[in-house]
C-alpha atoms as a PDB file:
ATOM      1  CA  MET A   1      -0.018   0.067   0.062  1.00  0.00           C
ATOM      2  CA  LYS A   2       2.685   2.349   0.930  1.00  0.00           C
ATOM      3  CA  THR A   3       4.622   1.513  -2.346  1.00  0.00           C
ATOM      4  CA  ARG A   4       1.526   2.284  -4.287  1.00  0.00           C
ATOM      5  CA  MET A   5       1.071   5.706  -2.562  1.00  0.00           C
ATOM      6  CA  THR A   6       4.661   6.455  -3.223  1.00  0.00           C
ATOM      7  CA  ILE A   7       4.199   5.684  -6.938  1.00  0.00           C
ATOM      8  CA  PHE A   8       1.017   7.767  -7.075  1.00  0.00           C
ATOM      9  CA  LEU A   9       2.697  10.628  -5.553  1.00  0.00           C
ATOM     10  CA  PHE A  10       5.724  10.387  -7.851  1.00  0.00           C
ATOM     11  CA  LEU A  11       3.379  10.196 -10.879  1.00  0.00           C
ATOM     12  CA  ALA A  12       1.571  13.196  -9.613  1.00  0.00           C
ATOM     13  CA  MET A  13       4.533  15.302  -9.149  1.00  0.00           C
ATOM     14  CA  PHE A  14       5.756  14.131 -12.505  1.00  0.00           C
ATOM     15  CA  ALA A  15       2.508  15.204 -14.086  1.00  0.00           C
ATOM     16  CA  LEU A  16       2.647  18.586 -12.365  1.00  0.00           C
ATOM     17  CA  SER A  17       6.133  19.126 -13.373  1.00  0.00           C
ATOM     18  CA  GLY A  18       5.220  18.246 -17.048  1.00  0.00           C
ATOM     19  CA  CYS A  19       2.400  20.759 -16.918  1.00  0.00           C
ATOM     20  CA  THR A  20       4.553  23.576 -15.478  1.00  0.00           C
ATOM     21  CA  TYR A  21       7.223  22.742 -18.140  1.00  0.00           C
ATOM     22  CA  ILE A  22       4.656  22.937 -20.964  1.00  0.00           C
ATOM     23  CA  GLN A  23       3.165  26.157 -19.571  1.00  0.00           C
ATOM     24  CA  LYS A  24       6.631  27.613 -19.397  1.00  0.00           C
ATOM     25  CA  ALA A  25       7.484  26.503 -22.947  1.00  0.00           C
ATOM     26  CA  ARG A  26       4.138  27.975 -24.160  1.00  0.00           C
ATOM     27  CA  ARG A  27       4.727  31.252 -22.334  1.00  0.00           C
ATOM     28  CA  ALA A  28       8.318  31.380 -23.861  1.00  0.00           C
ATOM     29  CA  ASP A  29       6.918  30.920 -27.303  1.00  0.00           C
ATOM     30  CA  GLU A  30       4.246  33.722 -26.608  1.00  0.00           C
ATOM     31  CA  LEU A  31       7.015  36.127 -25.516  1.00  0.00           C
ATOM     32  CA  GLU A  32       9.274  35.156 -28.378  1.00  0.00           C
ATOM     33  CA  GLN A  33       6.254  35.948 -30.666  1.00  0.00           C
ATOM     34  CA  GLU A  34       5.675  39.257 -28.936  1.00  0.00           C
ATOM     35  CA  ASN A  35       9.312  40.228 -29.257  1.00  0.00           C
ATOM     36  CA  THR A  36       9.175  39.236 -33.009  1.00  0.00           C
ATOM     37  CA  ASN A  37       6.049  41.479 -33.420  1.00  0.00           C
ATOM     38  CA  LEU A  38       7.684  44.342 -31.598  1.00  0.00           C
ATOM     39  CA  ARG A  39      10.819  43.978 -33.683  1.00  0.00           C
ATOM     40  CA  TYR A  40       8.767  44.186 -36.810  1.00  0.00           C
ATOM     41  CA  ARG A  41       6.798  47.121 -35.569  1.00  0.00           C
ATOM     42  CA  LEU A  42       9.977  48.883 -34.692  1.00  0.00           C
ATOM     43  CA  GLU A  43      11.475  48.387 -38.130  1.00  0.00           C
ATOM     44  CA  GLN A  44       8.102  49.543 -39.704  1.00  0.00           C
ATOM     45  CA  LEU A  45       8.244  52.794 -37.563  1.00  0.00           C
ATOM     46  CA  LYS A  46      11.940  53.296 -38.476  1.00  0.00           C
ATOM     47  CA  LYS A  47      11.067  52.896 -42.171  1.00  0.00           C
ATOM     48  CA  GLU A  48       8.078  55.361 -41.750  1.00  0.00           C
ATOM     49  CA  LYS A  49      10.249  57.843 -39.992  1.00  0.00           C
ATOM     50  CA  ALA A  50      12.914  57.763 -42.596  1.00  0.00           C
ATOM     51  CA  LYS A  51      10.307  58.180 -45.260  1.00  0.00           C
ATOM     52  CA  GLU A  52       8.848  61.172 -43.429  1.00  0.00           C
ATOM     53  CA  ALA A  53      12.259  62.734 -43.072  1.00  0.00           C
ATOM     54  CA  GLN A  54      13.003  62.293 -46.643  1.00  0.00           C
ATOM     55  CA  ARG A  55       9.649  63.747 -47.695  1.00  0.00           C
ATOM     56  CA  ILE A  56      10.351  66.768 -45.478  1.00  0.00           C
ATOM     57  CA  ILE A  57      13.739  67.200 -47.004  1.00  0.00           C
ATOM     58  CA  GLU A  58      12.410  66.951 -50.579  1.00  0.00           C
ATOM     59  CA  ASP A  59       9.613  69.356 -49.682  1.00  0.00           C
ATOM     60  CA  LYS A  60      12.042  71.847 -48.273  1.00  0.00           C
ATOM     61  CA  ASP A  61      14.340  71.471 -51.351  1.00  0.00           C
ATOM     62  CA  ARG A  62      11.407  71.954 -53.642  1.00  0.00           C
ATOM     63  CA  GLU A  63      10.271  75.165 -51.656  1.00  0.00           C
ATOM     64  CA  LEU A  64      13.762  76.602 -51.759  1.00  0.00           C
ATOM     65  CA  SER A  65      14.028  75.626 -55.528  1.00  0.00           C
ATOM     66  CA  ASP A  66      10.862  77.605 -56.152  1.00  0.00           C
ATOM     67  CA  LEU A  67      11.940  80.578 -54.198  1.00  0.00           C
ATOM     68  CA  GLU A  68      15.511  80.463 -55.654  1.00  0.00           C
ATOM     69  CA  LYS A  69      13.923  80.407 -59.261  1.00  0.00           C
ATOM     70  CA  ALA A  70      11.725  83.392 -58.198  1.00  0.00           C
ATOM     71  CA  LYS A  71      14.718  85.203 -56.910  1.00  0.00           C
ATOM     72  CA  LEU A  72      16.566  84.736 -60.111  1.00  0.00           C
ATOM     73  CA  GLU A  73      13.556  85.837 -62.135  1.00  0.00           C
ATOM     74  CA  LEU A  74      13.237  88.956 -59.948  1.00  0.00           C
ATOM     75  CA  GLU A  75      16.751  89.783 -60.300  1.00  0.00           C
ATOM     76  CA  GLU A  76      16.469  89.961 -63.914  1.00  0.00           C
ATOM     77  CA  ALA A  77      13.224  91.770 -63.995  1.00  0.00           C
ATOM     78  CA  LEU A  78      14.289  94.373 -61.376  1.00  0.00           C
ATOM     79  CA  LYS A  79      17.852  94.863 -62.875  1.00  0.00           C
ATOM     80  CA  LYS A  80      17.113  98.601 -63.113  1.00  0.00           C
ATOM     81  CA  GLU A  81      15.932  99.165 -59.614  1.00  0.00           C
ATOM     82  CA  ILE A  82      18.656  96.950 -58.080  1.00  0.00           C
ATOM     83  CA  GLY A  83      21.277  98.666 -60.126  1.00  0.00           C
ATOM     84  CA  GLU A  84      20.302 102.117 -58.887  1.00  0.00           C
ATOM     85  CA  TYR A  85      20.307 100.631 -55.282  1.00  0.00           C
ATOM     86  CA  LYS A  86      16.646 101.308 -54.908  1.00  0.00           C
ATOM     87  CA  ALA A  87      15.831  97.526 -54.456  1.00  0.00           C
ATOM     88  CA  LYS A  88      17.407  94.445 -53.163  1.00  0.00           C
ATOM     89  CA  LEU A  89      16.630  90.835 -52.715  1.00  0.00           C
ATOM     90  CA  GLN A  90      17.434  88.537 -49.751  1.00  0.00           C
ATOM     91  CA  MET A  91      16.663  84.989 -49.006  1.00  0.00           C
ATOM     92  CA  THR A  92      15.871  84.881 -45.288  1.00  0.00           C
ATOM     93  CA  GLU A  93      14.264  82.513 -42.690  1.00  0.00           C
ATOM     94  CA  ARG A  94      10.988  84.085 -43.480  1.00  0.00           C
ATOM     95  CA  GLY A  95      11.203  83.596 -47.174  1.00  0.00           C
ATOM     96  CA  LEU A  96      12.388  85.825 -50.161  1.00  0.00           C
ATOM     97  CA  VAL A  97      12.323  89.482 -49.137  1.00  0.00           C
ATOM     98  CA  ILE A  98      12.096  92.207 -51.778  1.00  0.00           C
ATOM     99  CA  THR A  99      13.212  95.595 -50.281  1.00  0.00           C
ATOM    100  CA  PHE A 100      12.202  98.832 -52.112  1.00  0.00           C
ATOM    101  CA  LEU A 101      13.072 102.239 -51.194  1.00  0.00           C
ATOM    102  CA  SER A 102       9.742 104.111 -50.747  1.00  0.00           C
ATOM    103  CA  GLU A 103      10.656 106.561 -53.517  1.00  0.00           C
ATOM    104  CA  VAL A 104      10.292 103.805 -56.006  1.00  0.00           C
ATOM    105  CA  PHE A 105       6.499 103.861 -55.432  1.00  0.00           C
ATOM    106  CA  PHE A 106       5.576 107.079 -53.645  1.00  0.00           C
ATOM    107  CA  ASP A 107       6.209 110.859 -53.480  1.00  0.00           C
ATOM    108  CA  SER A 108       7.173 112.218 -50.126  1.00  0.00           C
ATOM    109  CA  GLY A 109       4.345 111.914 -47.633  1.00  0.00           C
ATOM    110  CA  LYS A 110       1.978 110.313 -50.046  1.00  0.00           C
ATOM    111  CA  ASP A 111       0.414 106.765 -50.334  1.00  0.00           C
ATOM    112  CA  ILE A 112      -0.565 106.918 -54.006  1.00  0.00           C
ATOM    113  CA  VAL A 113       1.570 104.570 -56.267  1.00  0.00           C
ATOM    114  CA  ARG A 114       3.230 106.639 -59.034  1.00  0.00           C
ATOM    115  CA  SER A 115       3.093 105.312 -62.586  1.00  0.00           C
ATOM    116  CA  ASP A 116       6.687 104.021 -62.673  1.00  0.00           C
ATOM    117  CA  GLY A 117       6.106 102.340 -59.296  1.00  0.00           C
ATOM    118  CA  LYS A 118       3.116 100.512 -60.953  1.00  0.00           C
ATOM    119  CA  GLU A 119       5.387  99.265 -63.748  1.00  0.00           C
ATOM    120  CA  THR A 120       7.672  97.829 -61.045  1.00  0.00           C
ATOM    121  CA  LEU A 121       4.904  96.153 -59.119  1.00  0.00           C
ATOM    122  CA  GLN A 122       3.780  94.617 -62.411  1.00  0.00           C
ATOM    123  CA  LYS A 123       7.152  92.978 -62.825  1.00  0.00           C
ATOM    124  CA  VAL A 124       6.906  91.646 -59.259  1.00  0.00           C
ATOM    125  CA  ALA A 125       3.353  90.318 -59.751  1.00  0.00           C
ATOM    126  CA  GLN A 126       4.253  88.445 -62.899  1.00  0.00           C
ATOM    127  CA  VAL A 127       6.903  86.445 -60.804  1.00  0.00           C
ATOM    128  CA  LEU A 128       4.360  86.007 -58.026  1.00  0.00           C
ATOM    129  CA  ASN A 129       1.702  84.638 -60.373  1.00  0.00           C
ATOM    130  CA  GLN A 130       3.928  82.431 -62.485  1.00  0.00           C
ATOM    131  CA  ASN A 131       6.692  81.183 -60.214  1.00  0.00           C
ATOM    132  CA  VAL A 132       5.236  81.041 -56.802  1.00  0.00           C
ATOM    133  CA  PRO A 133       1.503  80.877 -57.242  1.00  0.00           C
ATOM    134  CA  ASN A 134       0.834  79.035 -53.980  1.00  0.00           C
ATOM    135  CA  SER A 135       2.842  81.257 -51.736  1.00  0.00           C
ATOM    136  CA  HIS A 136       1.355  83.899 -49.494  1.00  0.00           C
ATOM    137  CA  VAL A 137       2.800  87.401 -49.704  1.00  0.00           C
ATOM    138  CA  ALA A 138       3.283  89.858 -46.842  1.00  0.00           C
ATOM    139  CA  ILE A 139       3.449  93.591 -47.712  1.00  0.00           C
ATOM    140  CA  GLU A 140       5.261  95.793 -45.000  1.00  0.00           C
ATOM    141  CA  GLY A 141       5.641  99.407 -44.809  1.00  0.00           C
ATOM    142  CA  TYR A 142       8.309 101.364 -42.838  1.00  0.00           C
ATOM    143  CA  THR A 143       9.252 105.005 -42.287  1.00  0.00           C
ATOM    144  CA  ASP A 144      12.206 106.953 -40.846  1.00  0.00           C
ATOM    145  CA  ASN A 145      11.727 108.760 -37.463  1.00  0.00           C
ATOM    146  CA  GLU A 146      10.834 112.161 -38.862  1.00  0.00           C
ATOM    147  CA  PRO A 147       7.648 113.288 -37.152  1.00  0.00           C
ATOM    148  CA  ILE A 148       4.658 114.130 -39.547  1.00  0.00           C
ATOM    149  CA  LYS A 149       4.329 117.765 -40.104  1.00  0.00           C
ATOM    150  CA  HIS A 150       2.609 118.643 -43.343  1.00  0.00           C
ATOM    151  CA  SER A 151       1.311 115.522 -45.059  1.00  0.00           C
ATOM    152  CA  GLY A 152      -1.780 115.198 -43.014  1.00  0.00           C
ATOM    153  CA  TRP A 153      -1.105 111.788 -41.521  1.00  0.00           C
ATOM    154  CA  LYS A 154      -1.696 111.355 -37.756  1.00  0.00           C
ATOM    155  CA  SER A 155       1.737 109.642 -37.400  1.00  0.00           C
ATOM    156  CA  ASN A 156       4.255 107.476 -39.266  1.00  0.00           C
ATOM    157  CA  TRP A 157       2.028 104.436 -38.230  1.00  0.00           C
ATOM    158  CA  GLU A 158      -0.797 105.616 -40.544  1.00  0.00           C
ATOM    159  CA  LEU A 159       1.720 106.558 -43.323  1.00  0.00           C
ATOM    160  CA  SER A 160       3.459 103.136 -43.339  1.00  0.00           C
ATOM    161  CA  SER A 161       0.230 101.287 -43.118  1.00  0.00           C
ATOM    162  CA  GLY A 162      -1.299 103.428 -45.932  1.00  0.00           C
ATOM    163  CA  ARG A 163       1.649 102.740 -48.162  1.00  0.00           C
ATOM    164  CA  ALA A 164       1.497  99.008 -47.435  1.00  0.00           C
ATOM    165  CA  LEU A 165      -2.155  98.989 -48.295  1.00  0.00           C
ATOM    166  CA  ALA A 166      -1.602 100.929 -51.462  1.00  0.00           C
ATOM    167  CA  VAL A 167       0.808  98.376 -52.721  1.00  0.00           C
ATOM    168  CA  LEU A 168      -1.625  95.464 -51.829  1.00  0.00           C
ATOM    169  CA  HIS A 169      -4.469  97.095 -53.691  1.00  0.00           C
ATOM    170  CA  GLN A 170      -2.368  97.777 -56.775  1.00  0.00           C
ATOM    171  CA  LEU A 171      -1.211  94.150 -56.727  1.00  0.00           C
ATOM    172  CA  ILE A 172      -4.972  92.920 -56.432  1.00  0.00           C
ATOM    173  CA  ASP A 173      -6.691  95.532 -58.738  1.00  0.00           C
ATOM    174  CA  GLU A 174      -4.089  96.057 -61.512  1.00  0.00           C
ATOM    175  CA  CYS A 175      -1.718  93.036 -61.314  1.00  0.00           C
ATOM    176  CA  LYS A 176      -4.407  90.210 -60.637  1.00  0.00           C
ATOM    177  CA  VAL A 177      -2.723  88.772 -57.688  1.00  0.00           C
ATOM    178  CA  LYS A 178      -5.239  86.760 -55.661  1.00  0.00           C
ATOM    179  CA  PRO A 179      -6.356  88.811 -52.573  1.00  0.00           C
ATOM    180  CA  GLN A 180      -6.329  85.721 -50.292  1.00  0.00           C
ATOM    181  CA  ARG A 181      -2.598  85.450 -50.870  1.00  0.00           C
ATOM    182  CA  LEU A 182      -1.889  88.931 -49.570  1.00  0.00           C
ATOM    183  CA  SER A 183      -1.581  90.650 -46.214  1.00  0.00           C
ATOM    184  CA  ALA A 184      -0.455  94.267 -45.357  1.00  0.00           C
ATOM    185  CA  ASN A 185       1.175  95.647 -42.187  1.00  0.00           C
ATOM    186  CA  GLY A 186       2.786  99.126 -41.279  1.00  0.00           C
ATOM    187  CA  TYR A 187       5.543  99.206 -38.717  1.00  0.00           C
ATOM    188  CA  GLY A 188       6.061 103.006 -38.669  1.00  0.00           C
ATOM    189  CA  GLU A 189       9.553 104.206 -37.657  1.00  0.00           C
ATOM    190  CA  TYR A 190      10.134 101.268 -35.101  1.00  0.00           C
ATOM    191  CA  ARG A 191      12.015  98.679 -37.130  1.00  0.00           C
ATOM    192  CA  PRO A 192      14.849 100.617 -38.794  1.00  0.00           C
ATOM    193  CA  VAL A 193      17.580  98.913 -40.741  1.00  0.00           C
ATOM    194  CA  ALA A 194      19.967 101.819 -40.611  1.00  0.00           C
ATOM    195  CA  SER A 195      20.754 104.886 -38.447  1.00  0.00           C
ATOM    196  CA  ASN A 196      18.264 107.740 -38.548  1.00  0.00           C
ATOM    197  CA  ASP A 197      21.126 110.149 -37.819  1.00  0.00           C
ATOM    198  CA  THR A 198      22.064 110.463 -41.455  1.00  0.00           C
ATOM    199  CA  LYS A 199      20.304 111.190 -44.661  1.00  0.00           C
ATOM    200  CA  GLU A 200      21.350 107.964 -46.236  1.00  0.00           C
ATOM    201  CA  GLY A 201      20.269 106.025 -43.148  1.00  0.00           C
ATOM    202  CA  LYS A 202      16.808 107.755 -43.214  1.00  0.00           C
ATOM    203  CA  GLN A 203      16.364 106.990 -46.991  1.00  0.00           C
ATOM    204  CA  LYS A 204      17.029 103.275 -46.275  1.00  0.00           C
ATOM    205  CA  ASN A 205      14.483 103.116 -43.382  1.00  0.00           C
ATOM    206  CA  ARG A 206      11.830 104.631 -45.607  1.00  0.00           C
ATOM    207  CA  ARG A 207      10.974 101.335 -47.445  1.00  0.00           C
ATOM    208  CA  VAL A 208       8.342  98.822 -48.556  1.00  0.00           C
ATOM    209  CA  GLU A 209       9.207  95.021 -48.198  1.00  0.00           C
ATOM    210  CA  ILE A 210       7.420  92.341 -50.004  1.00  0.00           C
ATOM    211  CA  VAL A 211       7.931  89.084 -48.432  1.00  0.00           C
ATOM    212  CA  ILE A 212       7.285  85.748 -50.417  1.00  0.00           C
ATOM    213  CA  LEU A 213       6.655  83.063 -47.804  1.00  0.00           C
ATOM    214  CA  PRO A 214       7.548  79.517 -48.513  1.00  0.00           C
ATOM    215  CA  SER A 215       4.516  77.529 -49.797  1.00  0.00           C
ATOM    216  CA  LYS A 216       4.681  75.272 -46.785  1.00  0.00           C
ATOM    217  CA  VAL A 217       4.172  78.195 -44.460  1.00  0.00           C
ATOM    218  CA  SER A 218       1.409  79.406 -46.607  1.00  0.00           C
ATOM    219  CA  LYS A 219      -0.370  76.047 -46.262  1.00  0.00           C
ATOM    220  CA  VAL A 220       0.002  75.995 -42.408  1.00  0.00           C
ATOM    221  CA  LYS A 221      -1.616  79.586 -42.431  1.00  0.00           C
ATOM    222  CA  GLU A 222      -4.507  78.343 -44.582  1.00  0.00           C
ATOM    223  CA  GLU A 223      -5.157  75.358 -42.150  1.00  0.00           C
ATOM    224  CA  ILE A 224      -5.185  77.826 -39.246  1.00  0.00           C
ATOM    225  CA  ILE A 225      -7.616  80.085 -40.893  1.00  0.00           C
ATOM    226  CA  ARG A 226      -9.946  77.098 -41.713  1.00  0.00           C
END
């Protein structure tokens, strides 16, 4: 009887041991499968990240290419103004900035675009419409620090804003640039690029800047507006 009991206990322990072994083996297989799935997902994420990085690089290169082409076209179109030091082009973090001395467009203290200034804006608009049709464009007016005396403006804020808006309306009404692409701001005398202590410095500060934003920035702005 005692022998039978011993054999029974031995068999029971063996069975339990076998079950435990099977459970451990099954769990090991499950863990291995989980690890395999995780490694596969990790590889997929790495590939997706690499593709996204490549897409961003390609988009950036394309944007820079479009702006660079626009810059070349504008350098040719504005050869006269640039040669007379009345205009310059700069590629900046904001985008392509076209800086004009105010005298290119306006008489002293005025916000009415002169006929020769309209011709210059027509050249700019042609590039805006043909080379960068999806880019938004910011028009910014600036003045020197001379206080308003005889022109009737309340301050340089109004004068700079009026000039920026005059350029905006000219681009819309006569140059057929889509209005939803444009914005206008006046900064008065508060963002000088040169010293107002000299005549030459004041001339540089009286300016209008047309900023062509990268198309990606324009798309982001459209999404925010929506």
